[in-house]
C-alpha atoms as a PDB file:
ATOM      1  CA  MET A   1      31.217  58.290  37.062  1.00  0.00           C
ATOM      2  CA  ALA A   2      27.656  58.979  36.826  1.00  0.00           C
ATOM      3  CA  LEU A   3      25.138  57.812  34.107  1.00  0.00           C
ATOM      4  CA  THR A   4      23.102  60.211  32.014  1.00  0.00           C
ATOM      5  CA  LEU A   5      19.523  59.585  32.162  1.00  0.00           C
ATOM      6  CA  LYS A   6      19.712  58.356  28.319  1.00  0.00           C
ATOM      7  CA  GLN A   7      22.102  56.049  29.238  1.00  0.00           C
ATOM      8  CA  GLU A   8      20.386  54.738  32.536  1.00  0.00           C
ATOM      9  CA  GLU A   9      17.225  54.335  30.061  1.00  0.00           C
ATOM     10  CA  TYR A  10      19.538  52.352  27.610  1.00  0.00           C
ATOM     11  CA  LYS A  11      20.672  49.995  30.341  1.00  0.00           C
ATOM     12  CA  ASN A  12      17.508  49.153  31.475  1.00  0.00           C
ATOM     13  CA  GLN A  13      16.135  48.521  27.895  1.00  0.00           C
ATOM     14  CA  THR A  14      19.267  46.295  27.226  1.00  0.00           C
ATOM     15  CA  ILE A  15      18.261  44.364  30.948  1.00  0.00           C
ATOM     16  CA  MET A  16      14.773  44.182  29.884  1.00  0.00           C
ATOM     17  CA  LYS A  17      15.534  42.823  26.458  1.00  0.00           C
ATOM     18  CA  LYS A  18      17.926  40.238  27.703  1.00  0.00           C
ATOM     19  CA  PHE A  19      15.158  38.967  30.371  1.00  0.00           C
ATOM     20  CA  PHE A  20      12.276  38.753  27.675  1.00  0.00           C
ATOM     21  CA  LEU A  21      15.055  36.830  25.608  1.00  0.00           C
ATOM     22  CA  VAL A  22      15.548  34.329  28.647  1.00  0.00           C
ATOM     23  CA  LEU A  23      12.211  34.093  29.563  1.00  0.00           C
ATOM     24  CA  LEU A  24      10.933  33.263  25.661  1.00  0.00           C
ATOM     25  CA  LEU A  25      13.394  30.817  25.696  1.00  0.00           C
ATOM     26  CA  ALA A  26      12.453  29.400  29.290  1.00  0.00           C
ATOM     27  CA  ALA A  27       8.810  29.058  28.214  1.00  0.00           C
ATOM     28  CA  GLY A  28       9.512  27.270  24.746  1.00  0.00           C
ATOM     29  CA  PHE A  29      11.743  24.754  26.666  1.00  0.00           C
ATOM     30  CA  ILE A  30       8.927  24.028  29.213  1.00  0.00           C
ATOM     31  CA  ILE A  31       6.043  23.758  26.670  1.00  0.00           C
ATOM     32  CA  SER A  32       7.797  21.675  23.971  1.00  0.00           C
ATOM     33  CA  LYS A  33       8.077  18.058  24.107  1.00  0.00           C
ATOM     34  CA  PRO A  34      10.924  16.222  22.661  1.00  0.00           C
ATOM     35  CA  ALA A  35      10.443  14.875  19.127  1.00  0.00           C
ATOM     36  CA  THR A  36       9.827  11.231  18.619  1.00  0.00           C
ATOM     37  CA  ALA A  37      10.576   9.506  15.452  1.00  0.00           C
ATOM     38  CA  GLN A  38       7.648   7.527  13.941  1.00  0.00           C
ATOM     39  CA  VAL A  39       8.642   4.710  11.764  1.00  0.00           C
ATOM     40  CA  SER A  40       6.011   2.732   9.695  1.00  0.00           C
ATOM     41  CA  ILE A  41       6.629  -0.408   7.963  1.00  0.00           C
ATOM     42  CA  ASN A  42       3.870  -2.021   6.028  1.00  0.00           C
ATOM     43  CA  ILE A  43       4.147  -5.366   5.190  1.00  0.00           C
ATOM     44  CA  ASN A  44       1.601  -7.843   3.724  1.00  0.00           C
ATOM     45  CA  ILE A  45       3.526 -10.414   1.649  1.00  0.00           C
ATOM     46  CA  GLY A  46       1.499 -13.215   3.469  1.00  0.00           C
ATOM     47  CA  SER A  47      -1.971 -11.662   2.658  1.00  0.00           C
ATOM     48  CA  GLN A  48      -0.834 -11.658  -1.164  1.00  0.00           C
ATOM     49  CA  PRO A  49      -1.987 -14.308  -3.536  1.00  0.00           C
ATOM     50  CA  ALA A  50       0.356 -16.836  -4.972  1.00  0.00           C
ATOM     51  CA  TRP A  51      -0.780 -15.209  -8.397  1.00  0.00           C
ATOM     52  CA  GLY A  52       0.475 -11.966  -7.523  1.00  0.00           C
ATOM     53  CA  PRO A  53       3.604 -10.269  -9.320  1.00  0.00           C
ATOM     54  CA  VAL A  54       6.811 -10.553  -7.020  1.00  0.00           C
ATOM     55  CA  GLY A  55       8.859  -7.370  -6.072  1.00  0.00           C
ATOM     56  CA  TYR A  56       6.655  -5.677  -3.354  1.00  0.00           C
ATOM     57  CA  ASP A  57       6.636  -5.987   0.245  1.00  0.00           C
ATOM     58  CA  TYR A  58       2.995  -4.261   0.475  1.00  0.00           C
ATOM     59  CA  VAL A  59       0.121  -4.114  -1.701  1.00  0.00           C
ATOM     60  CA  GLU A  60      -3.054  -2.711  -1.520  1.00  0.00           C
ATOM     61  CA  TYR A  61      -4.594  -3.283  -5.035  1.00  0.00           C
ATOM     62  CA  TYR A  62      -3.943  -5.030  -8.215  1.00  0.00           C
ATOM     63  CA  TYR A  63      -5.220  -3.569 -11.123  1.00  0.00           C
ATOM     64  CA  LEU A  64      -6.189  -6.431 -13.782  1.00  0.00           C
ATOM     65  CA  PRO A  65      -6.040  -4.448 -17.286  1.00  0.00           C
ATOM     66  CA  ASP A  66      -6.969  -7.634 -19.052  1.00  0.00           C
ATOM     67  CA  ILE A  67     -10.409  -7.588 -17.645  1.00  0.00           C
ATOM     68  CA  GLU A  68     -10.683  -3.862 -16.155  1.00  0.00           C
ATOM     69  CA  ALA A  69     -10.794  -5.091 -12.561  1.00  0.00           C
ATOM     70  CA  TYR A  70      -9.598  -4.615  -9.454  1.00  0.00           C
ATOM     71  CA  TYR A  71      -8.158  -7.090  -6.615  1.00  0.00           C
ATOM     72  CA  TYR A  72      -8.015  -5.643  -2.845  1.00  0.00           C
ATOM     73  CA  VAL A  73      -5.797  -7.776  -1.303  1.00  0.00           C
ATOM     74  CA  PRO A  74      -6.311  -6.832   2.482  1.00  0.00           C
ATOM     75  CA  ARG A  75      -9.857  -8.062   2.096  1.00  0.00           C
ATOM     76  CA  HIS A  76      -9.384 -10.807  -0.805  1.00  0.00           C
ATOM     77  CA  GLN A  77     -11.898  -9.302  -2.892  1.00  0.00           C
ATOM     78  CA  PHE A  78     -12.272  -8.343  -6.575  1.00  0.00           C
ATOM     79  CA  VAL A  79     -13.455  -5.228  -7.484  1.00  0.00           C
ATOM     80  CA  TYR A  80     -15.168  -5.069 -10.870  1.00  0.00           C
ATOM     81  CA  LEU A  81     -17.876  -3.084 -12.603  1.00  0.00           C
ATOM     82  CA  SER A  82     -21.457  -4.531 -13.200  1.00  0.00           C
ATOM     83  CA  ASN A  83     -24.253  -2.459 -14.424  1.00  0.00           C
ATOM     84  CA  GLY A  84     -22.356   0.746 -13.363  1.00  0.00           C
ATOM     85  CA  SER A  85     -21.691  -0.061  -9.741  1.00  0.00           C
ATOM     86  CA  TRP A  86     -18.324  -1.408  -8.517  1.00  0.00           C
ATOM     87  CA  ILE A  87     -18.886  -4.828  -7.158  1.00  0.00           C
ATOM     88  CA  PHE A  88     -16.882  -6.086  -4.043  1.00  0.00           C
ATOM     89  CA  ALA A  89     -16.996 -10.227  -4.340  1.00  0.00           C
ATOM     90  CA  THR A  90     -14.597 -13.161  -3.177  1.00  0.00           C
ATOM     91  CA  SER A  91     -14.464 -14.400  -6.807  1.00  0.00           C
ATOM     92  CA  LEU A  92     -15.020 -12.915 -10.279  1.00  0.00           C
ATOM     93  CA  PRO A  93     -18.097 -13.219 -12.423  1.00  0.00           C
ATOM     94  CA  THR A  94     -18.779 -15.967 -14.751  1.00  0.00           C
ATOM     95  CA  ARG A  95     -17.899 -13.602 -17.575  1.00  0.00           C
ATOM     96  CA  TYR A  96     -14.277 -13.962 -16.650  1.00  0.00           C
ATOM     97  CA  ARG A  97     -13.945 -17.735 -16.182  1.00  0.00           C
ATOM     98  CA  SER A  98     -11.672 -18.225 -19.053  1.00  0.00           C
ATOM     99  CA  TYR A  99      -9.111 -15.583 -17.504  1.00  0.00           C
ATOM    100  CA  ASN A 100      -6.112 -17.024 -15.939  1.00  0.00           C
ATOM    101  CA  LEU A 101      -4.842 -15.205 -12.883  1.00  0.00           C
ATOM    102  CA  TYR A 102      -1.585 -16.495 -12.827  1.00  0.00           C
ATOM    103  CA  SER A 103      -0.413 -15.689 -16.393  1.00  0.00           C
ATOM    104  CA  GLY A 104      -2.357 -12.206 -16.664  1.00  0.00           C
ATOM    105  CA  TYR A 105      -0.754  -9.084 -15.927  1.00  0.00           C
ATOM    106  CA  LYS A 106      -1.255  -7.288 -12.502  1.00  0.00           C
ATOM    107  CA  VAL A 107      -0.392  -3.548 -11.746  1.00  0.00           C
ATOM    108  CA  VAL A 108       0.440  -2.787  -8.005  1.00  0.00           C
ATOM    109  CA  ILE A 109      -1.701   0.402  -7.022  1.00  0.00           C
ATOM    110  CA  ASN A 110      -1.248   1.567  -3.165  1.00  0.00           C
ATOM    111  CA  GLU A 111      -3.850   4.306  -3.231  1.00  0.00           C
ATOM    112  CA  PRO A 112      -7.231   4.254  -1.368  1.00  0.00           C
ATOM    113  CA  ARG A 113     -10.402   3.390  -3.612  1.00  0.00           C
ATOM    114  CA  PRO A 114      -8.461   3.075  -6.913  1.00  0.00           C
ATOM    115  CA  TYR A 115     -11.413   2.123  -8.786  1.00  0.00           C
ATOM    116  CA  LEU A 116     -12.682   5.957  -8.551  1.00  0.00           C
ATOM    117  CA  HIS A 117      -9.693   6.569 -10.965  1.00  0.00           C
ATOM    118  CA  PHE A 118     -10.953   3.590 -13.234  1.00  0.00           C
ATOM    119  CA  THR A 119     -11.083   5.972 -16.548  1.00  0.00           C
ATOM    120  CA  THR A 120      -7.175   6.933 -15.972  1.00  0.00           C
ATOM    121  CA  HIS A 121      -6.051   3.685 -15.069  1.00  0.00           C
ATOM    122  CA  ARG A 122      -7.879   1.989 -18.230  1.00  0.00           C
ATOM    123  CA  VAL A 123      -5.813   4.406 -20.475  1.00  0.00           C
ATOM    124  CA  THR A 124      -2.538   4.437 -18.190  1.00  0.00           C
ATOM    125  CA  TYR A 125      -2.453   0.490 -18.272  1.00  0.00           C
ATOM    126  CA  ALA A 126      -3.878  -0.376 -21.646  1.00  0.00           C
ATOM    127  CA  LYS A 127      -0.458  -1.183 -22.407  1.00  0.00           C
ATOM    128  CA  TYR A 128      -0.164  -3.978 -20.543  1.00  0.00           C
ATOM    129  CA  LYS A 129      -3.321  -6.024 -21.770  1.00  0.00           C
ATOM    130  CA  GLY A 130      -2.476  -9.349 -23.342  1.00  0.00           C
ATOM    131  CA  ASN A 131       0.936  -9.566 -21.684  1.00  0.00           C
ATOM    132  CA  ASN A 132       0.495 -13.012 -20.585  1.00  0.00           C
ATOM    133  CA  GLY A 133       3.232 -14.890 -18.688  1.00  0.00           C
ATOM    134  CA  ARG A 134       5.429 -11.500 -19.057  1.00  0.00           C
ATOM    135  CA  GLN A 135       5.457 -11.095 -14.853  1.00  0.00           C
ATOM    136  CA  VAL A 136       7.216 -13.291 -12.627  1.00  0.00           C
ATOM    137  CA  ILE A 137       4.420 -14.361  -9.696  1.00  0.00           C
ATOM    138  CA  ILE A 138       5.196 -15.217  -6.324  1.00  0.00           C
ATOM    139  CA  LYS A 139       4.197 -18.871  -6.924  1.00  0.00           C
ATOM    140  CA  ASN A 140       7.109 -19.103  -9.306  1.00  0.00           C
ATOM    141  CA  SER A 141       9.447 -17.352  -7.276  1.00  0.00           C
ATOM    142  CA  ASN A 142      12.462 -18.999  -5.115  1.00  0.00           C
ATOM    143  CA  ASP A 143      12.701 -15.939  -2.874  1.00  0.00           C
ATOM    144  CA  PRO A 144      12.256 -17.500   0.807  1.00  0.00           C
ATOM    145  CA  LYS A 145      10.205 -14.263   1.651  1.00  0.00           C
ATOM    146  CA  TYR A 146       7.549 -15.856  -0.525  1.00  0.00           C
ATOM    147  CA  TYR A 147       7.163 -18.767   1.345  1.00  0.00           C
ATOM    148  CA  VAL A 148       4.595 -17.403   3.860  1.00  0.00           C
ATOM    149  CA  VAL A 149       2.240 -16.835   0.874  1.00  0.00           C
ATOM    150  CA  LYS A 150      -0.334 -20.140   0.665  1.00  0.00           C
ATOM    151  CA  GLY A 151      -0.400 -21.546  -2.610  1.00  0.00           C
ATOM    152  CA  HIS A 152       3.530 -21.292  -2.907  1.00  0.00           C
ATOM    153  CA  PRO A 153       4.742 -24.404  -3.538  1.00  0.00           C
ATOM    154  CA  LYS A 154       7.309 -24.052  -0.293  1.00  0.00           C
ATOM    155  CA  TYR A 155       4.745 -22.792   1.832  1.00  0.00           C
ATOM    156  CA  ASN A 156       5.508 -22.921   5.258  1.00  0.00           C
ATOM    157  CA  GLY A 157       2.327 -21.863   7.234  1.00  0.00           C
ATOM    158  CA  ALA A 158       4.158 -18.447   8.874  1.00  0.00           C
ATOM    159  CA  GLY A 159       1.397 -16.186   6.728  1.00  0.00           C
ATOM    160  CA  ASN A 160       0.288 -13.195   8.958  1.00  0.00           C
ATOM    161  CA  SER A 161      -3.482 -13.482   7.692  1.00  0.00           C
ATOM    162  CA  GLY A 162      -4.310 -16.862   7.496  1.00  0.00           C
ATOM    163  CA  LYS A 163      -6.181 -16.439   4.267  1.00  0.00           C
ATOM    164  CA  GLY A 164      -5.400 -17.791   0.842  1.00  0.00           C
ATOM    165  CA  ASN A 165      -6.298 -16.808  -2.051  1.00  0.00           C
ATOM    166  CA  GLY A 166      -9.062 -18.602  -2.713  1.00  0.00           C
ATOM    167  CA  ASN A 167      -7.952 -22.232  -2.731  1.00  0.00           C
ATOM    168  CA  GLY A 168      -5.532 -21.624  -5.265  1.00  0.00           C
ATOM    169  CA  LYS A 169      -7.798 -21.815  -8.532  1.00  0.00           C
ATOM    170  CA  GLY A 170      -7.367 -18.911 -11.212  1.00  0.00           C
ATOM    171  CA  ASN A 171      -9.802 -16.701  -9.816  1.00  0.00           C
ATOM    172  CA  GLY A 172     -10.495 -17.279  -6.055  1.00  0.00           C
ATOM    173  CA  GLY A 173     -14.090 -18.905  -6.819  1.00  0.00           C
ATOM    174  CA  GLY A 174     -12.819 -22.127  -8.912  1.00  0.00           C
ATOM    175  CA  HIS A 175     -14.124 -20.692 -12.022  1.00  0.00           C
ATOM    176  CA  GLY A 176     -10.855 -19.520 -13.777  1.00  0.00           C
ATOM    177  CA  LYS A 177      -7.872 -21.741 -15.429  1.00  0.00           C
ATOM    178  CA  GLY A 178      -5.498 -21.305 -12.817  1.00  0.00           C
ATOM    179  CA  LYS A 179      -2.610 -24.065 -12.859  1.00  0.00           C
ATOM    180  CA  ASN A 180      -1.339 -25.226  -9.430  1.00  0.00           C
END
């Protein structure tokens, strides 16, 4: 049984389509690499100050609504406005000497440079002003995961940063009324 010209042409097209499909699949296997799973877990409990709130394995910044300032946990620095500029310092200025970090409310903010959104934070977190003592802090926690925080009564020296929170005083510079 002889194939007609049209049947022969159809057969050749079908073979070419299959060949292209196999070639495309082979090229896809060759140039693709296996997918790798990437798991990233951020934990900085040992870097957090004893006056920080419990419940967070990772903290970038605390916003302190009572004094409208921030605390940058990785560098142990306060961030506050002074004459229209954001200042980074290891202690708060004297105008905040009566502020008690242990009883003042802290809002955890995990975003880069949150002070650039200060106007929004000021409004959003104004409701936490004056909420003194209404937040459980690391120093008062009995959870063993916080024993790595320098300043905790059961501190075990296993913190990951080796840095404390400013010798245990209220604002990192000895100007506050922090209670030990």
